[in-house]
Protein backbone atom coordinates (compact mmCIF):
# COMPACT_ATOMS: atom_id res chain seq x y z
CA MET A 1 -30.39 -17.85 -3.52
CA ILE A 2 -27.54 -15.40 -2.94
CA GLU A 3 -27.74 -12.18 -4.95
CA ILE A 4 -24.77 -9.89 -5.71
CA ARG A 5 -25.81 -6.25 -5.93
CA GLU A 6 -24.82 -2.72 -4.98
CA ILE A 7 -25.05 -1.80 -1.30
CA PRO A 8 -26.86 1.54 -0.85
CA GLU A 9 -24.99 4.25 1.03
CA GLY A 10 -27.65 4.14 3.71
CA ASP A 11 -26.39 0.68 4.66
CA ALA A 12 -22.88 1.88 5.51
CA ASP A 13 -23.48 1.22 9.21
CA ARG A 14 -24.55 -2.34 8.36
CA MET A 15 -21.20 -2.76 6.64
CA VAL A 16 -19.41 -1.60 9.78
CA ASP A 17 -21.39 -4.15 11.80
CA LEU A 18 -20.50 -6.97 9.39
CA ALA A 19 -16.83 -5.95 9.43
CA GLY A 20 -16.86 -5.97 13.22
CA LEU A 21 -18.27 -9.47 13.28
CA VAL A 22 -15.86 -10.85 10.68
CA PHE A 23 -12.74 -9.18 12.13
CA HIS A 24 -13.70 -9.68 15.79
CA GLN A 25 -13.94 -5.99 16.64
CA ARG A 26 -16.44 -4.21 18.82
CA PHE A 27 -17.75 -0.80 17.79
CA GLY A 28 -19.63 1.64 19.99
CA GLU A 29 -22.16 4.25 18.92
CA ASP A 30 -19.42 6.87 18.52
CA ASP A 31 -17.37 4.63 16.22
CA TYR A 32 -19.70 4.40 13.23
CA GLU A 33 -18.87 7.74 11.63
CA ARG A 34 -15.13 7.16 12.07
CA GLU A 35 -15.29 3.65 10.63
CA SER A 36 -17.81 4.13 7.82
CA TRP A 37 -16.35 7.08 5.91
CA PRO A 38 -14.26 4.89 3.53
CA VAL A 39 -17.28 2.87 2.42
CA ARG A 40 -19.39 5.98 1.89
CA ARG A 41 -16.95 7.09 -0.83
CA ALA A 42 -16.55 3.59 -2.26
CA GLU A 43 -18.22 1.42 -4.86
CA ARG A 44 -20.02 -1.06 -2.57
CA VAL A 45 -20.69 -4.67 -3.57
CA GLY A 46 -22.96 -6.76 -1.35
CA ALA A 47 -23.99 -10.39 -1.20
CA TYR A 48 -27.57 -10.76 0.03
CA ASP A 49 -29.37 -13.86 1.22
CA GLY A 50 -32.94 -12.67 1.09
CA GLY A 51 -32.80 -9.26 2.75
CA ALA A 52 -29.76 -10.11 4.87
CA LEU A 53 -26.33 -8.70 4.01
CA ILE A 54 -24.05 -11.74 4.34
CA GLY A 55 -20.99 -10.55 2.38
CA GLN A 56 -19.47 -7.26 1.31
CA LEU A 57 -16.65 -5.57 -0.56
CA ALA A 58 -15.86 -1.87 -0.87
CA SER A 59 -13.72 -0.47 -3.69
CA ILE A 60 -12.48 3.12 -3.29
CA PRO A 61 -11.46 4.88 -6.53
CA MET A 62 -7.92 6.13 -5.83
CA ARG A 63 -4.65 6.77 -7.65
CA LEU A 64 -1.55 4.67 -6.97
CA ALA A 65 2.05 5.68 -7.55
CA VAL A 66 3.79 3.28 -9.92
CA PRO A 67 7.27 3.85 -11.37
CA GLY A 68 7.04 7.07 -13.36
CA ALA A 69 3.25 7.52 -13.17
CA LEU A 70 0.08 7.77 -11.11
CA LEU A 71 -2.52 5.19 -12.17
CA ASP A 72 -6.21 4.87 -11.35
CA CYS A 73 -6.67 2.09 -8.83
CA SER A 74 -9.48 0.32 -6.98
CA ALA A 75 -8.48 0.36 -3.30
CA VAL A 76 -10.33 -2.70 -1.99
CA THR A 77 -11.38 -2.76 1.65
CA PHE A 78 -14.15 -3.94 4.04
CA VAL A 79 -14.09 -7.41 2.48
CA GLY A 80 -15.90 -10.05 4.49
CA VAL A 81 -18.33 -12.96 4.41
CA LEU A 82 -20.35 -14.15 7.38
CA PRO A 83 -19.11 -17.49 8.78
CA THR A 84 -22.53 -19.00 8.04
CA HIS A 85 -21.98 -18.48 4.29
CA ARG A 86 -18.37 -19.44 3.73
CA ARG A 87 -17.27 -21.81 0.94
CA ARG A 88 -20.29 -20.99 -1.20
CA GLY A 89 -18.51 -18.83 -3.80
CA VAL A 90 -19.60 -15.53 -2.22
CA LEU A 91 -16.15 -13.92 -2.17
CA THR A 92 -15.43 -15.12 -5.71
CA SER A 93 -18.67 -13.56 -6.98
CA MET A 94 -17.90 -10.24 -5.27
CA MET A 95 -14.32 -10.20 -6.60
CA ASP A 96 -15.58 -10.88 -10.12
CA ARG A 97 -17.99 -7.95 -9.75
CA MET A 98 -15.13 -5.73 -8.53
CA HIS A 99 -13.05 -6.74 -11.57
CA GLU A 100 -15.96 -5.90 -13.89
CA ASP A 101 -16.52 -2.52 -12.24
CA ALA A 102 -12.80 -1.65 -12.45
CA ILE A 103 -12.65 -2.61 -16.13
CA ALA A 104 -15.76 -0.53 -16.88
CA ALA A 105 -14.24 2.46 -15.03
CA GLY A 106 -10.91 2.13 -16.85
CA ARG A 107 -8.89 1.51 -13.71
CA PRO A 108 -5.90 -0.71 -14.65
CA LEU A 109 -5.00 -1.63 -11.05
CA ALA A 110 -6.61 -2.87 -7.84
CA ALA A 111 -4.91 -3.05 -4.45
CA LEU A 112 -5.65 -4.22 -0.92
CA TRP A 113 -4.20 -5.09 2.46
CA ALA A 114 -4.82 -8.75 3.24
CA SER A 115 -5.88 -10.04 6.65
CA GLN A 116 -4.91 -13.51 5.39
CA GLY A 117 -2.48 -13.47 2.49
CA ILE A 118 -3.34 -16.94 1.26
CA ILE A 119 -6.82 -15.79 0.22
CA TYR A 120 -6.05 -13.32 -2.54
CA GLY A 121 -3.51 -15.01 -4.79
CA ARG A 122 -6.26 -17.00 -6.47
CA TYR A 123 -7.92 -13.73 -7.45
CA GLY A 124 -4.78 -12.47 -9.19
CA PHE A 125 -3.36 -10.35 -6.36
CA GLY A 126 0.37 -10.53 -5.70
CA LEU A 127 2.26 -9.23 -2.66
CA ALA A 128 3.96 -6.17 -4.17
CA THR A 129 5.36 -4.26 -1.16
CA ARG A 130 6.78 -5.08 2.22
CA ALA A 131 7.46 -2.88 5.25
CA ILE A 132 9.46 -3.00 8.46
CA SER A 133 8.62 -2.08 12.03
CA MET A 134 11.38 -0.17 13.78
CA ASP A 135 12.19 0.86 17.37
CA VAL A 136 14.74 3.49 18.38
CA ASP A 137 16.20 3.70 21.88
CA THR A 138 16.16 7.40 22.75
CA SER A 139 16.96 7.05 26.44
CA ARG A 140 20.36 8.40 25.34
CA PRO A 141 21.11 10.88 22.53
CA LEU A 142 20.73 9.57 19.00
CA GLU A 143 24.03 10.30 17.27
CA LEU A 144 23.80 10.36 13.49
CA ARG A 145 26.49 9.86 10.85
CA THR A 146 24.40 11.89 8.39
CA THR A 147 24.59 15.63 9.04
CA PRO A 148 21.05 16.94 9.69
CA ASP A 149 19.82 19.76 7.48
CA PRO A 150 20.02 22.99 9.55
CA ALA A 151 16.76 24.58 8.33
CA PRO A 152 14.34 25.24 11.21
CA LEU A 153 11.46 22.88 11.99
CA ARG A 154 8.01 23.98 13.06
CA LEU A 155 4.91 22.35 14.46
CA VAL A 156 1.77 22.92 12.42
CA ASP A 157 -1.87 22.65 13.37
CA PRO A 158 -3.53 19.42 12.14
CA ALA A 159 -6.29 21.44 10.50
CA SER A 160 -3.83 23.29 8.24
CA ALA A 161 -1.26 20.49 7.99
CA PRO A 162 -2.67 18.71 4.89
CA GLU A 163 -2.28 21.78 2.69
CA ILE A 164 1.32 22.20 3.87
CA LEU A 165 2.29 18.52 3.81
CA ASP A 166 0.66 17.39 0.59
CA PRO A 167 3.18 18.98 -1.84
CA ILE A 168 6.02 17.27 0.07
CA TYR A 169 4.11 13.98 0.08
CA MET A 170 3.48 14.19 -3.67
CA ARG A 171 7.20 14.69 -4.29
CA ALA A 172 7.82 11.52 -2.28
CA LEU A 173 5.29 9.62 -4.43
CA SER A 174 7.15 10.65 -7.56
CA ALA A 175 10.38 9.22 -6.11
CA ARG A 176 9.08 6.03 -4.50
CA PRO A 177 6.28 3.84 -5.96
CA GLY A 178 3.57 2.14 -3.95
CA GLY A 179 1.72 4.96 -2.19
CA LEU A 180 -1.76 6.40 -2.71
CA VAL A 181 -2.61 9.95 -3.71
CA ARG A 182 -4.36 11.57 -0.73
CA ASP A 183 -7.18 14.07 -1.02
CA ALA A 184 -8.27 16.43 1.77
CA GLU A 185 -10.69 13.91 3.27
CA TRP A 186 -8.03 11.17 3.29
CA TRP A 187 -5.58 13.46 5.08
CA SER A 188 -8.10 14.48 7.72
CA ARG A 189 -9.86 11.17 8.33
CA SER A 190 -6.97 8.72 7.86
CA VAL A 191 -3.67 10.48 8.56
CA PHE A 192 -4.92 13.01 11.10
CA VAL A 193 -7.68 10.97 12.73
CA GLU A 194 -7.81 12.08 16.36
CA VAL A 195 -8.03 8.60 17.91
CA ASP A 196 -6.07 5.67 16.50
CA ARG A 197 -7.64 2.34 17.49
CA GLU A 198 -4.25 0.67 17.05
CA ALA A 199 -2.58 3.08 19.48
CA PRO A 200 -4.81 3.49 22.56
CA GLY A 201 -3.57 6.03 25.09
CA TYR A 202 -1.62 8.11 22.59
CA THR A 203 -2.19 11.80 21.89
CA ALA A 204 -3.88 13.18 18.81
CA PRO A 205 -1.48 13.36 15.85
CA LEU A 206 1.15 16.08 15.68
CA ALA A 207 2.98 17.28 12.59
CA VAL A 208 6.50 18.72 12.47
CA VAL A 209 7.49 20.29 9.17
CA HIS A 210 10.74 21.14 7.43
CA PRO A 211 10.64 23.04 4.12
CA ALA A 212 11.57 19.72 2.46
CA GLY A 213 10.07 17.09 4.74
CA TYR A 214 7.69 16.29 7.58
CA ALA A 215 6.84 13.76 10.26
CA VAL A 216 3.43 12.88 11.69
CA TYR A 217 3.59 11.34 15.14
CA ARG A 218 1.80 10.72 18.42
CA THR A 219 3.19 10.59 21.94
CA HIS A 220 2.43 8.49 24.99
CA GLY A 221 3.47 9.60 28.44
CA GLY A 222 3.31 7.63 31.65
CA GLY A 223 5.27 4.42 31.71
CA ASP A 224 5.33 4.04 27.93
CA ARG A 225 7.23 7.27 27.11
CA THR A 226 7.00 6.51 23.39
CA VAL A 227 6.89 8.57 20.20
CA ARG A 228 4.87 6.70 17.57
CA VAL A 229 5.78 7.79 14.03
CA THR A 230 3.04 7.15 11.48
CA ASP A 231 4.33 9.09 8.46
CA LEU A 232 7.76 10.55 7.67
CA VAL A 233 9.00 11.68 4.27
CA ALA A 234 11.89 13.88 3.22
CA ASP A 235 13.41 15.16 -0.01
CA THR A 236 16.98 14.41 1.08
CA PRO A 237 18.79 12.17 3.61
CA GLN A 238 19.90 15.31 5.47
CA VAL A 239 16.29 16.43 5.96
CA GLU A 240 15.38 12.90 7.06
CA ALA A 241 18.20 13.03 9.62
CA ALA A 242 16.89 16.36 10.95
CA LEU A 243 13.41 14.87 11.47
CA TRP A 244 14.73 11.77 13.27
CA ARG A 245 16.94 13.95 15.48
CA TYR A 246 13.91 16.05 16.43
CA LEU A 247 11.79 12.99 17.23
CA ALA A 248 14.59 11.46 19.32
CA SER A 249 14.91 14.67 21.34
CA ILE A 250 11.30 15.06 22.52
CA ASP A 251 11.27 15.57 26.27
CA LEU A 252 9.89 12.90 28.62
CA THR A 253 10.19 10.14 26.02
CA SER A 254 12.72 7.32 25.75
CA ARG A 255 11.66 5.38 22.65
CA ILE A 256 10.50 5.87 19.08
CA HIS A 257 8.23 3.26 17.57
CA ALA A 258 7.75 3.39 13.80
CA PRO A 259 5.29 0.58 12.93
CA GLY A 260 5.58 1.01 9.16
CA ARG A 261 8.73 2.06 7.33
CA PRO A 262 10.25 1.22 3.92
CA VAL A 263 12.45 -1.87 3.83
CA ASP A 264 15.33 0.36 2.66
CA ASP A 265 14.86 2.97 5.40
CA LEU A 266 18.02 5.01 5.97
CA LEU A 267 17.91 5.38 9.75
CA PRO A 268 19.68 2.06 10.50
CA HIS A 269 22.55 3.32 8.31
CA MET A 270 22.47 6.86 9.69
CA ALA A 271 22.75 5.87 13.35
CA ALA A 272 26.27 6.05 14.74
CA ASP A 273 25.36 3.20 17.09
CA PRO A 274 23.39 0.58 15.10
CA ASP A 275 22.25 -1.03 18.34
CA GLN A 276 20.02 1.99 19.01
CA VAL A 277 17.86 1.12 15.99
CA GLU A 278 16.14 -2.25 16.10
CA ILE A 279 14.18 -3.79 13.24
CA LYS A 280 11.27 -5.40 15.08
CA GLY A 281 9.67 -7.14 12.12
CA ASP A 282 9.27 -7.39 8.36
CA TYR A 283 5.77 -7.90 7.01
CA GLY A 284 3.78 -8.03 3.80
CA ALA A 285 1.95 -4.81 3.01
CA LEU A 286 0.22 -3.94 -0.29
CA TRP A 287 -1.26 -6.64 -2.53
CA LEU A 288 -1.59 -5.56 -6.16
CA ARG A 289 -3.80 -6.77 -9.00
CA LEU A 290 -3.25 -5.88 -12.68
CA ILE A 291 -6.79 -5.38 -13.94
CA ASP A 292 -5.58 -4.42 -17.43
CA VAL A 293 -2.18 -6.04 -18.02
CA PRO A 294 -1.15 -4.25 -21.26
CA ALA A 295 -2.33 -0.85 -20.02
CA ALA A 296 -0.44 -1.27 -16.72
CA LEU A 297 2.75 -2.39 -18.44
CA ARG A 298 2.63 0.49 -20.92
CA ALA A 299 2.00 3.09 -18.20
CA ARG A 300 4.99 2.53 -15.91
CA SER A 301 8.51 3.72 -16.61
CA TRP A 302 11.32 1.23 -17.26
CA ALA A 303 14.97 1.23 -16.27
CA ALA A 304 16.25 -0.57 -19.39
CA ASP A 305 15.42 -0.67 -23.08
CA ASP A 306 14.56 -4.29 -23.96
CA ALA A 307 11.85 -6.55 -25.39
CA PHE A 308 10.13 -9.66 -24.03
CA VAL A 309 7.28 -12.00 -24.82
CA LEU A 310 5.33 -12.61 -21.62
CA GLU A 311 2.75 -15.35 -21.32
CA VAL A 312 0.13 -14.45 -18.70
CA ARG A 313 -2.24 -16.89 -17.07
CA ASP A 314 -5.30 -15.18 -15.65
CA ALA A 315 -8.36 -17.32 -14.93
CA ARG A 316 -10.43 -14.42 -13.55
CA ILE A 317 -9.93 -11.75 -16.26
CA PRO A 318 -9.90 -13.45 -19.68
CA ALA A 319 -8.72 -10.30 -21.49
CA ASN A 320 -5.35 -10.60 -19.72
CA GLU A 321 -4.85 -14.24 -20.69
CA GLY A 322 -2.36 -14.97 -23.45
CA ARG A 323 0.96 -13.78 -24.81
CA TRP A 324 2.09 -10.16 -24.84
CA ARG A 325 5.06 -8.61 -26.58
CA LEU A 326 6.42 -6.04 -24.12
CA LYS A 327 8.78 -3.31 -25.27
CA THR A 328 10.42 -1.51 -22.34
CA GLY A 329 12.45 1.69 -22.37
CA PRO A 330 11.50 5.30 -23.09
CA ALA A 331 8.52 4.42 -25.34
CA PRO A 332 6.90 1.32 -23.76
CA ALA A 333 4.55 -0.83 -25.80
CA CYS A 334 2.58 -3.98 -25.03
CA GLU A 335 0.66 -5.82 -27.74
CA PRO A 336 -0.77 -9.33 -28.17
CA THR A 337 1.45 -11.80 -30.03
CA THR A 338 1.68 -15.44 -31.05
CA GLU A 339 5.46 -15.57 -30.62
CA ALA A 340 7.02 -18.09 -28.25
CA PRO A 341 7.22 -16.76 -24.68
CA ASP A 342 10.39 -15.75 -22.87
CA LEU A 343 8.66 -16.00 -19.47
CA THR A 344 5.34 -17.37 -18.20
CA PHE A 345 3.66 -15.64 -15.25
CA SER A 346 0.48 -16.09 -13.29
CA ALA A 347 -1.43 -12.83 -12.97
CA ALA A 348 -0.53 -12.73 -9.26
CA ASP A 349 3.21 -13.16 -9.85
CA LEU A 350 3.26 -10.50 -12.56
CA ALA A 351 1.55 -8.12 -10.13
CA ALA A 352 4.09 -9.00 -7.43
CA VAL A 353 7.04 -7.83 -9.55
CA TYR A 354 5.27 -4.89 -11.23
CA LEU A 355 6.36 -2.16 -8.76
CA GLY A 356 9.96 -3.38 -8.72
CA GLY A 357 10.03 -4.65 -5.15
CA ASN A 358 10.39 -8.35 -6.00
CA ARG A 359 12.80 -10.15 -8.30
CA VAL A 360 11.70 -12.25 -11.26
CA ARG A 361 14.81 -14.38 -10.81
CA ALA A 362 13.71 -15.34 -7.30
CA LEU A 363 10.33 -16.47 -8.60
CA VAL A 364 12.03 -18.50 -11.35
CA ARG A 365 14.26 -20.16 -8.75
CA ALA A 366 11.18 -20.90 -6.64
CA GLY A 367 9.58 -22.63 -9.61
CA VAL A 368 6.52 -20.37 -9.82
CA VAL A 369 7.59 -18.40 -12.94
CA ASP A 370 8.79 -20.30 -16.00
CA GLU A 371 11.84 -18.95 -17.83
CA HIS A 372 11.90 -20.22 -21.42
CA THR A 373 14.70 -17.98 -22.70
CA PRO A 374 18.00 -18.01 -20.79
CA SER A 375 18.72 -14.70 -18.97
CA ALA A 376 15.21 -13.36 -19.66
CA ALA A 377 14.47 -13.12 -15.94
CA ALA A 378 17.66 -11.18 -15.23
CA ARG A 379 16.95 -8.81 -18.13
CA LEU A 380 13.38 -8.20 -16.97
CA ASP A 381 14.64 -7.52 -13.44
CA ALA A 382 16.96 -4.89 -14.88
CA ALA A 383 14.06 -3.26 -16.72
CA LEU A 384 11.79 -3.34 -13.64
CA ALA A 385 14.43 -1.91 -11.28
CA VAL A 386 13.53 1.15 -9.18
CA PRO A 387 15.87 3.40 -7.14
CA LEU A 388 13.77 3.14 -3.96
CA ALA A 389 11.85 0.13 -2.68
CA PRO A 390 8.08 0.44 -3.12
CA PHE A 391 6.26 1.44 0.07
CA ILE A 392 2.82 2.52 1.25
CA ALA A 393 2.17 4.37 4.50
CA ASP A 394 -1.63 4.16 4.26
CA ASP A 395 -3.51 1.14 5.60
CA PHE A 396 -7.06 0.91 4.26
């Protein structure tokens, strides 16, 4: 019989081993501390067959930027089930336990990065943010149409960088939804980790700072001659232009690779020669789950003053199931109702539009959201609208 119970912190290395097996990665003795720190700070759910750990899920209590607010969120990671125990309800049991723990803790949201997107829709997760991968040819000067801010830039030591960068980062979170609040450990172990497994051969991270912006990057010499940008935020387009100009001017490099940037990144529009900036790919990023639908809808800000009746279908969290009268605008409200619905959503589709990065009208056209009242989808899109596309720079 399979038992779902808490994994003790002493079994963190066992979780690393299981993750390595499930995700086809090999870890050496020196890798365990680097890989296990997220699960040591997490709520750990395990599936045990006898004494053997055969499935796992870690949920890190974090805060997520949503339009107009920071909300408590379960950042779900290290999810896996051994191939010997698939299709036996193990993942479903662990997800149900995660939902219960989040409800008990009062966290209205959960979020994750999906190795296989098809898995998580049935648990109420919707794809809420996308990102682009971008390459910049810097073998010749990068001319910009946006005038760079003239304030001086400076390199800062990684040890002191978090204290300097965090206020700038928090301003960015207030302007653009989708990112996580970072504490000192997150900055040091995630952003400024010395060795990035996804970028072998690159230097340790470097940070260049402007009074109103920063960039974190690594460099690779030899034949690659690449600057890899992992985090770049700025208060204004002019500061952003100054950071890109700096990165494009680093000696002995001929390319910038930015593996994760917002879908509305300004650099393709700033470049005088658009051919210098190439969008290499567009990919799904953060999957979001509304653990407490009315609390989540009340907490975010809204771009229009309106009212809707939303019917929500949620097979995994019964408290979300039913009809909700949503009042948007400066004093949001969300209460149960028996009125006829304007729109019917699955929990996953409501989560997908919650941050403002997806359009309700597109989901109606696709036949996955039902519009019962003409123009209700367009009106809800107007209320959900955000100035900047949601984005997250942290993979977890």
